[in-house]
C-alpha atoms as a PDB file:
ATOM      1  CA  MET A   1       0.000   0.000   0.000  1.00  0.00           C
ATOM      2  CA  ASN A   2       2.998   2.310   0.339  1.00  0.00           C
ATOM      3  CA  HIS A   3       3.699   2.626  -3.376  1.00  0.00           C
ATOM      4  CA  CYS A   4       1.919   3.177  -6.676  1.00  0.00           C
ATOM      5  CA  ASP A   5       1.467  -0.053  -8.636  1.00  0.00           C
ATOM      6  CA  ILE A   6       1.899   1.805 -11.945  1.00  0.00           C
ATOM      7  CA  CYS A   7       4.863   4.173 -11.483  1.00  0.00           C
ATOM      8  CA  ASP A   8       6.258   2.780  -8.181  1.00  0.00           C
ATOM      9  CA  LYS A   9       6.055   6.202  -6.481  1.00  0.00           C
ATOM     10  CA  LYS A  10       7.003   5.812  -2.797  1.00  0.00           C
ATOM     11  CA  PRO A  11       7.116   7.985   0.324  1.00  0.00           C
ATOM     12  CA  ILE A  12      10.106  10.339   0.456  1.00  0.00           C
ATOM     13  CA  VAL A  13      11.909  11.572   3.557  1.00  0.00           C
ATOM     14  CA  GLY A  14      12.155  15.214   4.521  1.00  0.00           C
ATOM     15  CA  ARG A  15      12.335  17.485   7.526  1.00  0.00           C
ATOM     16  CA  SER A  16       9.851  19.623   9.419  1.00  0.00           C
ATOM     17  CA  ILE A  17      11.501  22.823  10.699  1.00  0.00           C
ATOM     18  CA  ALA A  18       9.957  24.676  13.651  1.00  0.00           C
ATOM     19  CA  ARG A  19      10.836  28.368  13.825  1.00  0.00           C
ATOM     20  CA  ARG A  20      10.067  31.240  16.192  1.00  0.00           C
ATOM     21  CA  GLY A  21      10.383  34.975  15.901  1.00  0.00           C
ATOM     22  CA  LEU A  22       9.333  37.619  13.415  1.00  0.00           C
ATOM     23  CA  ALA A  23      10.760  37.776   9.893  1.00  0.00           C
ATOM     24  CA  LYS A  24      13.141  40.646   9.133  1.00  0.00           C
ATOM     25  CA  LYS A  25      10.985  41.961   6.303  1.00  0.00           C
ATOM     26  CA  THR A  26       8.091  42.457   8.723  1.00  0.00           C
ATOM     27  CA  GLY A  27      10.184  44.337  11.282  1.00  0.00           C
ATOM     28  CA  GLY A  28      11.603  41.544  13.414  1.00  0.00           C
ATOM     29  CA  ILE A  29      15.155  40.411  14.048  1.00  0.00           C
ATOM     30  CA  GLY A  30      14.772  37.242  12.004  1.00  0.00           C
ATOM     31  CA  LYS A  31      13.428  33.762  12.511  1.00  0.00           C
ATOM     32  CA  LYS A  32      15.306  31.318  14.737  1.00  0.00           C
ATOM     33  CA  THR A  33      15.164  27.555  14.290  1.00  0.00           C
ATOM     34  CA  THR A  34      13.955  25.830  17.447  1.00  0.00           C
ATOM     35  CA  GLY A  35      13.727  22.250  16.228  1.00  0.00           C
ATOM     36  CA  ILE A  36      14.103  19.960  13.244  1.00  0.00           C
ATOM     37  CA  SER A  37      12.262  16.653  13.077  1.00  0.00           C
ATOM     38  CA  ARG A  38      12.216  14.079  10.331  1.00  0.00           C
ATOM     39  CA  ARG A  39       8.984  13.380   8.487  1.00  0.00           C
ATOM     40  CA  ARG A  40       7.709  11.495   5.438  1.00  0.00           C
ATOM     41  CA  PHE A  41       5.881  12.851   2.412  1.00  0.00           C
ATOM     42  CA  PHE A  42       3.377  10.254   1.224  1.00  0.00           C
ATOM     43  CA  PRO A  43       2.085  10.004  -2.367  1.00  0.00           C
ATOM     44  CA  ASN A  44      -1.635  10.544  -2.899  1.00  0.00           C
ATOM     45  CA  LEU A  45      -2.652   6.906  -3.388  1.00  0.00           C
ATOM     46  CA  GLN A  46      -6.169   5.807  -4.253  1.00  0.00           C
ATOM     47  CA  ARG A  47      -7.518   2.264  -4.413  1.00  0.00           C
ATOM     48  CA  VAL A  48      -9.212   1.783  -7.779  1.00  0.00           C
ATOM     49  CA  LYS A  49     -10.654  -1.066  -9.804  1.00  0.00           C
ATOM     50  CA  ALA A  50      -8.468  -1.252 -12.891  1.00  0.00           C
ATOM     51  CA  ARG A  51      -9.025  -3.156 -16.111  1.00  0.00           C
ATOM     52  CA  PHE A  52      -5.872  -4.716 -17.554  1.00  0.00           C
ATOM     53  CA  LEU A  53      -5.051  -5.453 -21.201  1.00  0.00           C
ATOM     54  CA  ASN A  54      -5.956  -9.135 -20.886  1.00  0.00           C
ATOM     55  CA  GLY A  55      -9.442  -8.186 -19.601  1.00  0.00           C
ATOM     56  CA  THR A  56      -8.986  -8.952 -15.911  1.00  0.00           C
ATOM     57  CA  VAL A  57     -10.199  -6.511 -13.268  1.00  0.00           C
ATOM     58  CA  ARG A  58      -8.318  -6.011 -10.003  1.00  0.00           C
ATOM     59  CA  ARG A  59      -8.154  -3.469  -7.202  1.00  0.00           C
ATOM     60  CA  ILE A  60      -4.788  -1.721  -7.160  1.00  0.00           C
ATOM     61  CA  TRP A  61      -3.188   1.249  -5.429  1.00  0.00           C
ATOM     62  CA  VAL A  62      -2.585   4.074  -7.921  1.00  0.00           C
ATOM     63  CA  CYS A  63      -1.258   7.594  -7.373  1.00  0.00           C
ATOM     64  CA  VAL A  64      -3.440  10.462  -8.558  1.00  0.00           C
ATOM     65  CA  GLY A  65      -0.756  11.544 -11.039  1.00  0.00           C
ATOM     66  CA  CYS A  66      -1.169   8.263 -12.927  1.00  0.00           C
ATOM     67  CA  LEU A  67      -4.971   8.535 -12.792  1.00  0.00           C
ATOM     68  CA  GLN A  68      -4.948  12.056 -14.255  1.00  0.00           C
ATOM     69  CA  ALA A  69      -2.396  11.084 -16.906  1.00  0.00           C
ATOM     70  CA  GLY A  70      -4.698   8.280 -18.103  1.00  0.00           C
ATOM     71  CA  LYS A  71      -2.253   5.461 -17.362  1.00  0.00           C
ATOM     72  CA  VAL A  72      -5.046   3.421 -15.754  1.00  0.00           C
ATOM     73  CA  THR A  73      -8.280   2.206 -17.323  1.00  0.00           C
ATOM     74  CA  LYS A  74     -10.905   2.188 -14.615  1.00  0.00           C
ATOM     75  CA  ALA A  75     -13.333  -0.731 -14.655  1.00  0.00           C
ATOM     76  CA  VAL A  76     -16.966   0.177 -15.196  1.00  0.00           C
ATOM     77  CA  SER A  77     -19.276  -1.056 -12.455  1.00  0.00           C
ATOM     78  CA  PHE A  78     -22.815  -1.941 -13.451  1.00  0.00           C
ATOM     79  CA  LYS A  79     -25.327  -1.351 -10.685  1.00  0.00           C
ATOM     80  CA  LYS A  80     -28.503  -3.392 -10.673  1.00  0.00           C
ATOM     81  CA  GLU A  81     -31.695  -1.410 -10.676  1.00  0.00           C
ATOM     82  CA  PRO A  82     -34.253  -2.435  -8.059  1.00  0.00           C
ATOM     83  CA  ALA A  83     -37.109  -4.560  -9.364  1.00  0.00           C
ATOM     84  CA  LYS A  84     -40.176  -2.483 -10.199  1.00  0.00           C
ATOM     85  CA  ALA A  85     -43.423  -3.398  -8.493  1.00  0.00           C
ATOM     86  CA  ALA A  86     -46.141  -4.427 -10.945  1.00  0.00           C
END
Protein backbone atom coordinates (compact mmCIF):
# COMPACT_ATOMS: atom_id res chain seq x y z
CA MET A 1 0.00 0.00 0.00
CA ASN A 2 3.00 2.31 0.34
CA HIS A 3 3.70 2.63 -3.38
CA CYS A 4 1.92 3.18 -6.68
CA ASP A 5 1.47 -0.05 -8.64
CA ILE A 6 1.90 1.80 -11.94
CA CYS A 7 4.86 4.17 -11.48
CA ASP A 8 6.26 2.78 -8.18
CA LYS A 9 6.05 6.20 -6.48
CA LYS A 10 7.00 5.81 -2.80
CA PRO A 11 7.12 7.99 0.32
CA ILE A 12 10.11 10.34 0.46
CA VAL A 13 11.91 11.57 3.56
CA GLY A 14 12.16 15.21 4.52
CA ARG A 15 12.34 17.49 7.53
CA SER A 16 9.85 19.62 9.42
CA ILE A 17 11.50 22.82 10.70
CA ALA A 18 9.96 24.68 13.65
CA ARG A 19 10.84 28.37 13.83
CA ARG A 20 10.07 31.24 16.19
CA GLY A 21 10.38 34.98 15.90
CA LEU A 22 9.33 37.62 13.42
CA ALA A 23 10.76 37.78 9.89
CA LYS A 24 13.14 40.65 9.13
CA LYS A 25 10.99 41.96 6.30
CA THR A 26 8.09 42.46 8.72
CA GLY A 27 10.18 44.34 11.28
CA GLY A 28 11.60 41.54 13.41
CA ILE A 29 15.16 40.41 14.05
CA GLY A 30 14.77 37.24 12.00
CA LYS A 31 13.43 33.76 12.51
CA LYS A 32 15.31 31.32 14.74
CA THR A 33 15.16 27.56 14.29
CA THR A 34 13.95 25.83 17.45
CA GLY A 35 13.73 22.25 16.23
CA ILE A 36 14.10 19.96 13.24
CA SER A 37 12.26 16.65 13.08
CA ARG A 38 12.22 14.08 10.33
CA ARG A 39 8.98 13.38 8.49
CA ARG A 40 7.71 11.50 5.44
CA PHE A 41 5.88 12.85 2.41
CA PHE A 42 3.38 10.25 1.22
CA PRO A 43 2.09 10.00 -2.37
CA ASN A 44 -1.64 10.54 -2.90
CA LEU A 45 -2.65 6.91 -3.39
CA GLN A 46 -6.17 5.81 -4.25
CA ARG A 47 -7.52 2.26 -4.41
CA VAL A 48 -9.21 1.78 -7.78
CA LYS A 49 -10.65 -1.07 -9.80
CA ALA A 50 -8.47 -1.25 -12.89
CA ARG A 51 -9.02 -3.16 -16.11
CA PHE A 52 -5.87 -4.72 -17.55
CA LEU A 53 -5.05 -5.45 -21.20
CA ASN A 54 -5.96 -9.13 -20.89
CA GLY A 55 -9.44 -8.19 -19.60
CA THR A 56 -8.99 -8.95 -15.91
CA VAL A 57 -10.20 -6.51 -13.27
CA ARG A 58 -8.32 -6.01 -10.00
CA ARG A 59 -8.15 -3.47 -7.20
CA ILE A 60 -4.79 -1.72 -7.16
CA TRP A 61 -3.19 1.25 -5.43
CA VAL A 62 -2.59 4.07 -7.92
CA CYS A 63 -1.26 7.59 -7.37
CA VAL A 64 -3.44 10.46 -8.56
CA GLY A 65 -0.76 11.54 -11.04
CA CYS A 66 -1.17 8.26 -12.93
CA LEU A 67 -4.97 8.53 -12.79
CA GLN A 68 -4.95 12.06 -14.26
CA ALA A 69 -2.40 11.08 -16.91
CA GLY A 70 -4.70 8.28 -18.10
CA LYS A 71 -2.25 5.46 -17.36
CA VAL A 72 -5.05 3.42 -15.75
CA THR A 73 -8.28 2.21 -17.32
CA LYS A 74 -10.90 2.19 -14.61
CA ALA A 75 -13.33 -0.73 -14.66
CA VAL A 76 -16.97 0.18 -15.20
CA SER A 77 -19.28 -1.06 -12.46
CA PHE A 78 -22.81 -1.94 -13.45
CA LYS A 79 -25.33 -1.35 -10.69
CA LYS A 80 -28.50 -3.39 -10.67
CA GLU A 81 -31.70 -1.41 -10.68
CA PRO A 82 -34.25 -2.43 -8.06
CA ALA A 83 -37.11 -4.56 -9.36
CA LYS A 84 -40.18 -2.48 -10.20
CA ALA A 85 -43.42 -3.40 -8.49
CA ALA A 86 -46.14 -4.43 -10.94
